N, C-alpha and C. Protein backbone atom coordinates (compact mmCIF):
# COMPACT_ATOMS: atom_id res chain seq x y z
N MET A 1 0.84 -1.19 0.00
CA MET A 1 0.00 0.00 0.00
C MET A 1 0.88 1.24 0.00
N PRO A 2 1.29 1.64 -1.16
CA PRO A 2 2.26 2.73 -1.19
C PRO A 2 1.67 4.12 -1.02
N ILE A 3 2.35 4.86 -0.19
CA ILE A 3 2.13 6.30 -0.09
C ILE A 3 3.16 6.89 -1.05
N ILE A 4 2.70 7.63 -2.05
CA ILE A 4 3.64 8.11 -3.05
C ILE A 4 4.16 9.52 -2.79
N LYS A 5 3.43 10.30 -1.98
CA LYS A 5 3.90 11.66 -1.70
C LYS A 5 3.11 12.25 -0.54
N ILE A 6 3.76 13.16 0.18
CA ILE A 6 3.09 13.93 1.23
C ILE A 6 3.33 15.40 0.91
N ASN A 7 2.25 16.13 0.69
CA ASN A 7 2.33 17.56 0.40
C ASN A 7 1.83 18.36 1.60
N LEU A 8 2.58 19.36 1.99
CA LEU A 8 2.14 20.26 3.06
C LEU A 8 1.62 21.54 2.44
N HIS A 9 0.53 22.08 2.99
CA HIS A 9 0.03 23.36 2.50
C HIS A 9 -0.16 24.38 3.62
N LYS A 10 0.11 23.98 4.87
CA LYS A 10 0.03 24.96 5.96
C LYS A 10 0.88 24.48 7.13
N VAL A 11 1.72 25.38 7.64
CA VAL A 11 2.47 25.15 8.87
C VAL A 11 2.34 26.44 9.67
N ASN A 12 1.77 26.32 10.88
CA ASN A 12 1.51 27.50 11.69
C ASN A 12 1.95 27.24 13.13
N ALA A 13 2.61 28.21 13.75
CA ALA A 13 3.02 28.09 15.15
C ALA A 13 2.65 29.37 15.88
N GLU A 14 2.09 29.20 17.07
CA GLU A 14 1.73 30.34 17.91
C GLU A 14 2.28 30.10 19.31
N ARG A 15 2.77 31.17 19.92
CA ARG A 15 3.24 31.09 21.30
C ARG A 15 2.61 32.21 22.10
N ASN A 16 2.05 31.86 23.24
CA ASN A 16 1.43 32.84 24.13
C ASN A 16 2.52 33.37 25.07
N LEU A 17 2.84 34.63 24.93
CA LEU A 17 3.91 35.23 25.73
C LEU A 17 3.48 35.54 27.16
N ASN A 18 2.19 35.50 27.45
CA ASN A 18 1.68 35.84 28.78
C ASN A 18 1.55 34.65 29.71
N THR A 19 1.83 33.45 29.23
CA THR A 19 1.71 32.26 30.06
C THR A 19 2.87 32.18 31.04
N LYS A 20 2.54 31.86 32.28
CA LYS A 20 3.57 31.71 33.31
C LYS A 20 4.21 30.32 33.19
N GLY A 21 5.42 30.18 33.70
CA GLY A 21 6.15 28.92 33.65
C GLY A 21 5.50 27.85 34.50
N GLY A 22 6.05 26.69 34.47
CA GLY A 22 5.52 25.57 35.24
C GLY A 22 5.56 24.30 34.41
N GLN A 23 4.83 23.31 34.87
CA GLN A 23 4.76 22.03 34.18
C GLN A 23 4.05 22.20 32.84
N ILE A 24 4.66 21.68 31.77
CA ILE A 24 4.07 21.78 30.43
C ILE A 24 3.68 20.38 29.97
N GLN A 25 2.48 20.29 29.41
CA GLN A 25 2.03 19.03 28.81
C GLN A 25 1.87 19.27 27.32
N ILE A 26 2.43 18.35 26.51
CA ILE A 26 2.37 18.48 25.06
C ILE A 26 1.50 17.34 24.52
N ASN A 27 0.45 17.70 23.79
CA ASN A 27 -0.47 16.71 23.21
C ASN A 27 -0.45 16.81 21.69
N ASN A 28 -0.16 15.68 21.03
CA ASN A 28 -0.18 15.62 19.57
C ASN A 28 -1.44 14.90 19.11
N ASN A 29 -2.02 15.37 18.01
CA ASN A 29 -3.22 14.74 17.47
C ASN A 29 -3.20 14.83 15.95
N VAL A 30 -3.65 13.77 15.30
CA VAL A 30 -3.80 13.76 13.84
C VAL A 30 -5.24 13.42 13.52
N SER A 31 -5.82 14.16 12.60
CA SER A 31 -7.17 13.81 12.13
C SER A 31 -7.21 13.88 10.61
N ILE A 32 -8.00 12.99 10.04
CA ILE A 32 -8.22 12.99 8.60
C ILE A 32 -9.45 13.85 8.35
N LYS A 33 -9.29 14.89 7.56
CA LYS A 33 -10.37 15.85 7.30
C LYS A 33 -11.20 15.48 6.08
N ASP A 34 -10.55 14.91 5.05
CA ASP A 34 -11.26 14.62 3.82
C ASP A 34 -10.49 13.59 3.01
N ILE A 35 -11.21 12.90 2.13
CA ILE A 35 -10.61 11.97 1.19
C ILE A 35 -11.17 12.30 -0.19
N GLU A 36 -10.27 12.49 -1.16
CA GLU A 36 -10.68 12.80 -2.53
C GLU A 36 -10.06 11.80 -3.50
N ASP A 37 -10.75 11.58 -4.62
CA ASP A 37 -10.18 10.75 -5.68
C ASP A 37 -9.00 11.46 -6.31
N MET A 38 -8.04 10.66 -6.77
CA MET A 38 -6.86 11.20 -7.44
C MET A 38 -6.78 10.53 -8.81
N ASN A 39 -6.62 11.31 -9.85
CA ASN A 39 -6.55 10.77 -11.20
C ASN A 39 -5.20 10.10 -11.44
N LEU A 40 -5.28 8.83 -11.87
CA LEU A 40 -4.08 8.06 -12.21
C LEU A 40 -4.28 7.43 -13.58
N LYS A 41 -3.19 7.28 -14.30
CA LYS A 41 -3.27 6.62 -15.60
C LYS A 41 -2.51 5.31 -15.54
N VAL A 42 -2.80 4.52 -14.51
CA VAL A 42 -2.18 3.22 -14.34
C VAL A 42 -3.31 2.20 -14.30
N GLU A 43 -3.24 1.22 -15.18
CA GLU A 43 -4.32 0.24 -15.28
C GLU A 43 -4.44 -0.59 -14.00
N GLY A 44 -5.67 -0.71 -13.50
CA GLY A 44 -5.94 -1.52 -12.32
C GLY A 44 -5.64 -0.83 -11.00
N LYS A 45 -5.15 0.39 -11.06
CA LYS A 45 -4.82 1.13 -9.84
C LYS A 45 -5.62 2.42 -9.79
N LYS A 46 -5.89 2.85 -8.57
CA LYS A 46 -6.53 4.14 -8.33
C LYS A 46 -5.79 4.82 -7.19
N GLY A 47 -6.06 6.10 -7.03
CA GLY A 47 -5.40 6.84 -5.96
C GLY A 47 -6.38 7.68 -5.17
N LEU A 48 -5.98 8.00 -3.94
CA LEU A 48 -6.76 8.87 -3.06
C LEU A 48 -5.84 9.93 -2.47
N LYS A 49 -6.43 11.09 -2.20
CA LYS A 49 -5.74 12.17 -1.48
C LYS A 49 -6.39 12.27 -0.11
N PHE A 50 -5.62 11.99 0.92
CA PHE A 50 -6.08 12.10 2.30
C PHE A 50 -5.64 13.46 2.83
N THR A 51 -6.57 14.34 3.16
CA THR A 51 -6.23 15.63 3.75
C THR A 51 -6.17 15.45 5.26
N PHE A 52 -5.03 15.82 5.86
CA PHE A 52 -4.85 15.63 7.30
C PHE A 52 -4.56 16.94 8.01
N ASP A 53 -4.80 16.90 9.31
CA ASP A 53 -4.51 18.04 10.20
C ASP A 53 -3.75 17.49 11.40
N PHE A 54 -2.50 17.94 11.58
CA PHE A 54 -1.68 17.57 12.73
C PHE A 54 -1.65 18.76 13.67
N THR A 55 -1.99 18.53 14.93
CA THR A 55 -1.99 19.60 15.92
C THR A 55 -1.14 19.20 17.11
N CYS A 56 -0.33 20.13 17.56
CA CYS A 56 0.51 19.95 18.74
C CYS A 56 0.14 21.06 19.73
N ASN A 57 -0.55 20.71 20.81
CA ASN A 57 -0.98 21.69 21.82
C ASN A 57 -0.05 21.65 23.02
N TYR A 58 0.35 22.84 23.48
CA TYR A 58 1.18 22.98 24.67
C TYR A 58 0.28 23.53 25.77
N GLU A 59 0.09 22.74 26.82
CA GLU A 59 -0.79 23.16 27.93
C GLU A 59 0.05 23.46 29.16
N PRO A 60 -0.31 24.41 29.97
CA PRO A 60 -1.51 25.25 29.91
C PRO A 60 -1.32 26.48 29.03
N SER A 61 -1.99 26.51 27.93
CA SER A 61 -2.08 27.67 27.00
C SER A 61 -0.74 28.30 26.65
N LEU A 62 0.31 27.49 26.49
CA LEU A 62 1.62 28.03 26.14
C LEU A 62 1.73 28.28 24.64
N GLY A 63 1.16 27.37 23.84
CA GLY A 63 1.25 27.55 22.40
C GLY A 63 0.59 26.42 21.64
N LYS A 64 0.69 26.52 20.32
CA LYS A 64 0.05 25.54 19.45
C LYS A 64 0.79 25.52 18.12
N ILE A 65 0.98 24.31 17.58
CA ILE A 65 1.56 24.15 16.25
C ILE A 65 0.56 23.36 15.43
N ASN A 66 0.32 23.82 14.20
CA ASN A 66 -0.65 23.17 13.32
C ASN A 66 0.01 22.93 11.96
N VAL A 67 -0.11 21.70 11.47
CA VAL A 67 0.42 21.33 10.16
C VAL A 67 -0.72 20.68 9.37
N GLU A 68 -0.98 21.18 8.17
CA GLU A 68 -2.00 20.59 7.31
C GLU A 68 -1.36 20.16 6.00
N GLY A 69 -1.87 19.05 5.46
CA GLY A 69 -1.32 18.57 4.20
C GLY A 69 -2.17 17.48 3.60
N GLN A 70 -1.63 16.88 2.53
CA GLN A 70 -2.30 15.78 1.86
C GLN A 70 -1.32 14.63 1.67
N ILE A 71 -1.84 13.43 1.84
CA ILE A 71 -1.08 12.21 1.60
C ILE A 71 -1.65 11.57 0.34
N LEU A 72 -0.79 11.33 -0.64
CA LEU A 72 -1.22 10.71 -1.89
C LEU A 72 -0.96 9.21 -1.79
N PHE A 73 -2.02 8.44 -2.00
CA PHE A 73 -2.02 7.00 -1.72
C PHE A 73 -2.51 6.25 -2.95
N VAL A 74 -1.81 5.19 -3.35
CA VAL A 74 -2.17 4.39 -4.52
C VAL A 74 -2.36 2.93 -4.09
N GLU A 75 -3.39 2.31 -4.67
CA GLU A 75 -3.69 0.91 -4.34
C GLU A 75 -4.54 0.33 -5.48
N GLU A 76 -4.79 -0.96 -5.39
CA GLU A 76 -5.67 -1.63 -6.37
C GLU A 76 -7.04 -0.95 -6.36
N SER A 77 -7.67 -0.89 -7.53
CA SER A 77 -8.96 -0.21 -7.69
C SER A 77 -10.00 -0.69 -6.69
N LYS A 78 -10.07 -1.99 -6.47
CA LYS A 78 -11.08 -2.57 -5.56
C LYS A 78 -10.91 -2.02 -4.14
N LYS A 79 -9.67 -1.96 -3.67
CA LYS A 79 -9.39 -1.46 -2.31
C LYS A 79 -9.71 0.03 -2.20
N ILE A 80 -9.36 0.80 -3.21
CA ILE A 80 -9.64 2.24 -3.20
C ILE A 80 -11.15 2.48 -3.15
N ASP A 81 -11.90 1.71 -3.94
CA ASP A 81 -13.36 1.84 -3.94
C ASP A 81 -13.94 1.53 -2.56
N GLU A 82 -13.38 0.51 -1.90
CA GLU A 82 -13.82 0.13 -0.55
C GLU A 82 -13.55 1.26 0.46
N VAL A 83 -12.37 1.84 0.39
CA VAL A 83 -12.00 2.94 1.31
C VAL A 83 -12.91 4.14 1.07
N LYS A 84 -13.10 4.50 -0.18
CA LYS A 84 -13.92 5.67 -0.53
C LYS A 84 -15.37 5.46 -0.09
N LYS A 85 -15.90 4.26 -0.29
CA LYS A 85 -17.28 3.96 0.10
C LYS A 85 -17.44 4.07 1.61
N SER A 86 -16.49 3.51 2.37
CA SER A 86 -16.53 3.57 3.83
C SER A 86 -16.45 5.02 4.32
N TRP A 87 -15.61 5.83 3.69
CA TRP A 87 -15.47 7.24 4.08
C TRP A 87 -16.75 8.02 3.78
N ASP A 88 -17.28 7.83 2.58
CA ASP A 88 -18.49 8.56 2.18
C ASP A 88 -19.69 8.20 3.05
N LYS A 89 -19.76 6.94 3.47
CA LYS A 89 -20.91 6.47 4.25
C LYS A 89 -20.79 6.81 5.73
N GLU A 90 -19.62 6.53 6.34
CA GLU A 90 -19.48 6.63 7.80
C GLU A 90 -18.32 7.51 8.27
N LYS A 91 -17.56 8.09 7.34
CA LYS A 91 -16.35 8.86 7.69
C LYS A 91 -15.35 7.98 8.44
N LYS A 92 -15.26 6.71 8.02
CA LYS A 92 -14.32 5.76 8.62
C LYS A 92 -13.41 5.22 7.53
N ILE A 93 -12.20 4.81 7.95
CA ILE A 93 -11.21 4.26 7.04
C ILE A 93 -10.83 2.88 7.57
N PRO A 94 -10.76 1.85 6.70
CA PRO A 94 -10.34 0.52 7.17
C PRO A 94 -8.97 0.60 7.86
N MET A 95 -8.80 -0.17 8.91
CA MET A 95 -7.60 -0.10 9.75
C MET A 95 -6.31 -0.38 8.96
N ASP A 96 -6.35 -1.28 7.99
CA ASP A 96 -5.13 -1.60 7.24
C ASP A 96 -4.66 -0.43 6.36
N VAL A 97 -5.55 0.50 6.06
CA VAL A 97 -5.19 1.71 5.32
C VAL A 97 -4.93 2.86 6.29
N MET A 98 -5.72 2.91 7.35
CA MET A 98 -5.62 4.01 8.33
C MET A 98 -4.24 4.05 8.98
N GLU A 99 -3.70 2.90 9.34
CA GLU A 99 -2.42 2.85 10.06
C GLU A 99 -1.28 3.53 9.31
N PRO A 100 -1.00 3.16 8.05
CA PRO A 100 0.11 3.84 7.36
C PRO A 100 -0.17 5.32 7.08
N ILE A 101 -1.42 5.68 6.87
CA ILE A 101 -1.77 7.08 6.60
C ILE A 101 -1.53 7.93 7.84
N VAL A 102 -2.03 7.49 8.98
CA VAL A 102 -1.86 8.25 10.23
C VAL A 102 -0.38 8.29 10.63
N ASN A 103 0.33 7.18 10.47
CA ASN A 103 1.76 7.18 10.80
C ASN A 103 2.54 8.15 9.92
N ALA A 104 2.20 8.23 8.64
CA ALA A 104 2.86 9.18 7.74
C ALA A 104 2.56 10.62 8.15
N ALA A 105 1.31 10.89 8.51
CA ALA A 105 0.92 12.24 8.95
C ALA A 105 1.63 12.60 10.26
N LEU A 106 1.72 11.65 11.20
CA LEU A 106 2.43 11.89 12.46
C LEU A 106 3.91 12.17 12.20
N HIS A 107 4.50 11.38 11.34
CA HIS A 107 5.92 11.54 11.02
C HIS A 107 6.20 12.92 10.44
N LYS A 108 5.46 13.28 9.41
CA LYS A 108 5.66 14.57 8.75
C LYS A 108 5.31 15.72 9.69
N GLY A 109 4.21 15.58 10.44
CA GLY A 109 3.80 16.63 11.37
C GLY A 109 4.81 16.86 12.47
N ASN A 110 5.33 15.78 13.05
CA ASN A 110 6.32 15.91 14.12
C ASN A 110 7.62 16.54 13.63
N ILE A 111 8.06 16.18 12.44
CA ILE A 111 9.28 16.78 11.90
C ILE A 111 9.10 18.28 11.73
N GLN A 112 7.97 18.69 11.17
CA GLN A 112 7.71 20.12 11.00
C GLN A 112 7.57 20.82 12.35
N ALA A 113 6.91 20.16 13.30
CA ALA A 113 6.72 20.75 14.63
C ALA A 113 8.05 20.95 15.34
N ILE A 114 8.98 20.01 15.19
CA ILE A 114 10.31 20.17 15.79
C ILE A 114 11.01 21.38 15.18
N LYS A 115 10.93 21.51 13.85
CA LYS A 115 11.58 22.64 13.17
C LYS A 115 11.02 23.98 13.64
N VAL A 116 9.70 24.10 13.62
CA VAL A 116 9.07 25.40 13.89
C VAL A 116 9.04 25.72 15.38
N SER A 117 9.05 24.70 16.25
CA SER A 117 9.02 24.96 17.70
C SER A 117 10.24 25.77 18.13
N GLU A 118 11.37 25.50 17.53
CA GLU A 118 12.59 26.24 17.87
C GLU A 118 12.47 27.71 17.47
N GLU A 119 11.82 27.98 16.36
CA GLU A 119 11.69 29.35 15.86
C GLU A 119 10.83 30.23 16.76
N VAL A 120 9.84 29.64 17.42
CA VAL A 120 8.95 30.43 18.30
C VAL A 120 9.24 30.17 19.78
N ASN A 121 10.37 29.51 20.04
CA ASN A 121 10.82 29.26 21.41
C ASN A 121 9.84 28.42 22.24
N LEU A 122 9.33 27.36 21.61
CA LEU A 122 8.53 26.36 22.32
C LEU A 122 9.41 25.12 22.52
N PRO A 123 9.14 24.33 23.55
CA PRO A 123 9.90 23.09 23.72
C PRO A 123 9.64 22.14 22.54
N SER A 124 10.62 21.30 22.24
CA SER A 124 10.44 20.31 21.18
C SER A 124 9.25 19.41 21.54
N PRO A 125 8.40 19.09 20.57
CA PRO A 125 7.25 18.23 20.86
C PRO A 125 7.65 16.78 21.13
N LEU A 126 8.86 16.41 20.75
CA LEU A 126 9.38 15.07 21.04
C LEU A 126 10.68 15.22 21.81
N PRO A 127 10.92 14.34 22.78
CA PRO A 127 12.19 14.44 23.52
C PRO A 127 13.36 14.15 22.59
N LEU A 128 14.34 15.02 22.62
CA LEU A 128 15.53 14.84 21.79
C LEU A 128 16.60 14.12 22.60
N PRO A 129 17.44 13.31 21.93
CA PRO A 129 18.48 12.58 22.67
C PRO A 129 19.49 13.54 23.30
N LYS A 130 19.99 13.15 24.46
CA LYS A 130 20.99 13.94 25.17
C LYS A 130 22.13 13.03 25.60
N VAL A 131 23.32 13.60 25.65
CA VAL A 131 24.49 12.88 26.12
C VAL A 131 24.63 13.12 27.60
N LYS A 132 24.89 12.05 28.34
CA LYS A 132 25.10 12.19 29.78
C LYS A 132 26.49 11.66 30.09
N ALA A 133 27.32 12.52 30.66
CA ALA A 133 28.69 12.13 30.98
C ALA A 133 28.68 11.21 32.19
N GLY A 134 29.50 10.20 32.13
CA GLY A 134 29.62 9.27 33.24
C GLY A 134 31.07 8.86 33.39
N PRO A 135 31.33 7.96 34.29
CA PRO A 135 32.72 7.52 34.47
C PRO A 135 33.22 6.81 33.21
N VAL A 136 34.49 7.05 32.91
CA VAL A 136 35.09 6.44 31.73
C VAL A 136 35.51 5.02 32.09
N ALA A 137 35.10 4.09 31.28
CA ALA A 137 35.48 2.69 31.51
C ALA A 137 36.91 2.48 31.02
N GLU A 138 37.69 1.76 31.82
CA GLU A 138 39.07 1.49 31.43
C GLU A 138 39.11 0.39 30.40
N LYS A 139 40.03 0.54 29.44
CA LYS A 139 40.18 -0.47 28.39
C LYS A 139 40.96 -1.65 28.94
N LYS A 140 40.50 -2.85 28.60
CA LYS A 140 41.21 -4.06 29.00
C LYS A 140 42.25 -4.39 27.94
N LYS A 141 43.41 -4.85 28.41
CA LYS A 141 44.51 -5.19 27.49
C LYS A 141 44.56 -6.66 27.23
């Protein structure tokens, strides 16, 4: 089930300068807003455009990062028809398609959130690795 491309069309970061310090909680969320047909000229295959919204909220009211984009997805015609029918009827996506789509949106959203969080002086939405100095182990001869 290949994802062929992820396009971003909005990256927004806001920081509230009036918030006092203290414990910060960071909540990430991804939602699928819409699914549209995508024109393909490959026999037996069809494509869909999944429009997603990634939001990173910093509580209490410290800031917010929002990333919107589209994931371009190609699969056998039968599977695409099944996904589109489920979305049009119930706004649901089969789990075998939902998992890679949401993971791709989380991946792209988190990368953008890390980049933009530094620009507006918000903490990174994901913990970054740190080096911790410790005793040096002696080499054995």
